[in-house]
Amino acid sequence: MIALIQRVSEASVTVDGKVTGAIGKGLLVFLGVEKGDDEAKARRLRDKVLGYRVFEDDAGKMNLNVQQAGGSVLVVSQFTLAADTNSGMRPSFSTGASPADAERLYDYFVAACQESTVRTETGIFAADMKVALLNDGPVTFWLQC
């Protein structure tokens, strides 16, 4: 399971002209699900995402996680993170989970985030989404479990 996280000043997702999720300061999380991923990996990745210290403390050092910084999380499904790009000029998606498994684990990850005290917003799984963001830094990390 893969999370590409970006520290943002704001981010939103629009589907068919309607905003489905929006946050101010926080983390935009693009989530990719691979074959063999399960609930245990989803929970570990949730813990890693919510605990990752990418926000500045009073000394200007990245020592705070999203909760400590008073931020929110916007989770967006992105199957292209599971692409195999090692050969050729076209990505292969053979390592990605089936759509049913990916949706189930995406929903599980979102629910696990919502169980925390961090406000969690979402896009719509498998929809054609328009994502707008203002990356803060820029700060972007690839996390994998």
Protein backbone atom coordinates (compact mmCIF):
# COMPACT_ATOMS: atom_id res chain seq x y z
CA MET A 1 0.00 0.00 0.00
CA ILE A 2 1.35 3.38 -1.03
CA ALA A 3 0.64 6.90 0.20
CA LEU A 4 2.06 9.91 -1.58
CA ILE A 5 1.59 12.69 0.95
CA GLN A 6 1.87 16.41 0.35
CA ARG A 7 1.86 19.06 3.05
CA VAL A 8 -0.68 21.61 1.88
CA SER A 9 -2.01 25.00 2.86
CA GLU A 10 -5.27 23.94 1.22
CA ALA A 11 -6.59 21.20 -1.05
CA SER A 12 -9.89 20.14 -2.57
CA VAL A 13 -11.41 17.47 -4.80
CA THR A 14 -14.17 18.17 -7.30
CA VAL A 15 -16.26 15.54 -9.10
CA ASP A 16 -18.76 16.58 -11.79
CA GLY A 17 -18.47 20.20 -10.71
CA LYS A 18 -19.20 19.46 -7.03
CA VAL A 19 -16.60 19.67 -4.26
CA THR A 20 -16.54 16.30 -2.48
CA GLY A 21 -13.78 17.11 -0.01
CA ALA A 22 -11.77 20.14 1.02
CA ILE A 23 -9.25 20.98 3.72
CA GLY A 24 -7.13 23.90 4.82
CA LYS A 25 -3.76 23.20 6.40
CA GLY A 26 -2.96 19.50 6.41
CA LEU A 27 -2.02 16.52 4.29
CA LEU A 28 -3.23 15.58 0.83
CA VAL A 29 -2.90 11.79 0.69
CA PHE A 30 -2.91 10.04 -2.67
CA LEU A 31 -3.53 6.36 -1.87
CA GLY A 32 -2.57 3.41 -4.07
CA VAL A 33 -3.46 -0.20 -3.29
CA GLU A 34 -1.37 -3.12 -4.53
CA LYS A 35 -2.01 -6.85 -4.80
CA GLY A 36 -1.47 -8.52 -1.44
CA ASP A 37 -2.37 -5.45 0.60
CA ASP A 38 -4.66 -6.03 3.56
CA GLU A 39 -6.23 -4.31 6.56
CA ALA A 40 -3.06 -4.68 8.65
CA LYS A 41 -1.04 -2.81 6.01
CA ALA A 42 -3.76 -0.18 5.73
CA ARG A 43 -3.72 0.41 9.49
CA ARG A 44 0.11 0.60 9.58
CA LEU A 45 0.08 3.07 6.71
CA ARG A 46 -2.62 5.12 8.44
CA ASP A 47 -0.45 5.25 11.57
CA LYS A 48 2.57 6.27 9.51
CA VAL A 49 0.69 8.98 7.57
CA LEU A 50 -0.91 10.50 10.67
CA GLY A 51 2.28 10.21 12.71
CA TYR A 52 4.75 11.44 10.07
CA ARG A 53 6.40 14.63 11.30
CA VAL A 54 6.31 17.05 8.36
CA PHE A 55 5.01 20.23 10.02
CA GLU A 56 7.27 22.85 11.55
CA ASP A 57 7.52 23.43 15.28
CA ASP A 58 8.27 26.80 16.89
CA ALA A 59 11.95 26.37 16.02
CA GLY A 60 11.16 25.88 12.32
CA LYS A 61 12.05 22.16 12.30
CA MET A 62 9.77 19.44 10.91
CA ASN A 63 8.89 17.92 14.29
CA LEU A 64 5.07 17.93 14.29
CA ASN A 65 2.62 15.47 12.80
CA VAL A 66 -0.68 16.55 11.22
CA GLN A 67 -2.62 16.18 14.47
CA GLN A 68 -0.07 18.16 16.51
CA ALA A 69 -0.13 20.88 13.85
CA GLY A 70 -3.94 21.12 13.98
CA GLY A 71 -4.30 20.01 10.37
CA SER A 72 -6.72 17.85 8.40
CA VAL A 73 -6.34 15.01 5.88
CA LEU A 74 -7.77 14.72 2.37
CA VAL A 75 -7.57 11.13 1.04
CA VAL A 76 -7.76 10.59 -2.74
CA SER A 77 -7.63 7.17 -4.41
CA GLN A 78 -4.92 6.95 -7.07
CA PHE A 79 -4.38 3.57 -8.72
CA THR A 80 -1.52 4.94 -10.84
CA LEU A 81 0.75 4.86 -7.77
CA ALA A 82 0.80 1.06 -8.12
CA ALA A 83 2.07 1.25 -11.71
CA ASP A 84 5.15 -0.65 -12.83
CA THR A 85 7.21 1.84 -14.82
CA ASN A 86 10.44 -0.16 -15.08
CA SER A 87 10.27 -0.86 -18.79
CA GLY A 88 8.81 0.55 -21.95
CA MET A 89 6.99 3.82 -22.46
CA ARG A 90 3.63 2.75 -21.07
CA PRO A 91 2.94 1.88 -17.42
CA SER A 92 1.75 -1.58 -16.45
CA PHE A 93 -0.85 -1.91 -13.73
CA SER A 94 -0.32 -5.62 -13.10
CA THR A 95 0.83 -4.96 -9.52
CA GLY A 96 -2.31 -3.03 -8.62
CA ALA A 97 -5.10 -4.58 -6.58
CA SER A 98 -8.36 -5.49 -8.26
CA PRO A 99 -10.88 -2.63 -8.25
CA ALA A 100 -13.03 -4.40 -5.61
CA ASP A 101 -10.07 -5.02 -3.28
CA ALA A 102 -8.71 -1.52 -3.83
CA GLU A 103 -12.06 0.10 -3.00
CA ARG A 104 -12.48 -2.04 0.11
CA LEU A 105 -9.01 -1.13 1.40
CA TYR A 106 -9.40 2.53 0.42
CA ASP A 107 -12.65 2.64 2.44
CA TYR A 108 -10.90 0.86 5.32
CA PHE A 109 -8.01 3.36 5.28
CA VAL A 110 -10.43 6.32 5.25
CA ALA A 111 -12.46 4.84 8.13
CA ALA A 112 -9.25 4.27 10.09
CA CYS A 113 -8.29 7.92 9.56
CA GLN A 114 -11.76 9.02 10.62
CA GLU A 115 -11.40 7.03 13.86
CA SER A 116 -8.54 9.34 14.82
CA THR A 117 -9.01 12.89 16.03
CA VAL A 118 -7.82 14.24 12.65
CA ARG A 119 -10.59 15.65 10.43
CA THR A 120 -10.68 13.50 7.28
CA GLU A 121 -12.17 14.42 3.90
CA THR A 122 -12.22 12.30 0.73
CA GLY A 123 -12.60 12.18 -2.98
CA ILE A 124 -14.78 9.52 -4.63
CA PHE A 125 -13.18 6.16 -5.38
CA ALA A 126 -12.57 5.58 -9.13
CA ALA A 127 -14.21 8.88 -10.10
CA ASP A 128 -12.74 11.35 -12.56
CA MET A 129 -11.53 13.81 -9.92
CA LYS A 130 -10.12 17.28 -10.25
CA VAL A 131 -7.66 17.86 -7.41
CA ALA A 132 -6.60 21.38 -6.50
CA LEU A 133 -3.85 22.02 -3.99
CA LEU A 134 -1.47 24.58 -2.68
CA ASN A 135 1.62 22.58 -1.70
CA ASP A 136 3.31 24.06 1.36
CA GLY A 137 7.08 23.93 1.00
CA PRO A 138 6.88 22.06 -1.29
CA VAL A 139 6.90 19.04 1.01
CA THR A 140 6.11 15.66 -0.58
CA PHE A 141 6.89 12.14 0.68
CA TRP A 142 6.33 8.60 -0.61
CA LEU A 143 5.29 6.22 2.20
CA GLN A 144 4.84 2.51 1.70
CA CYS A 145 3.81 -0.42 3.90
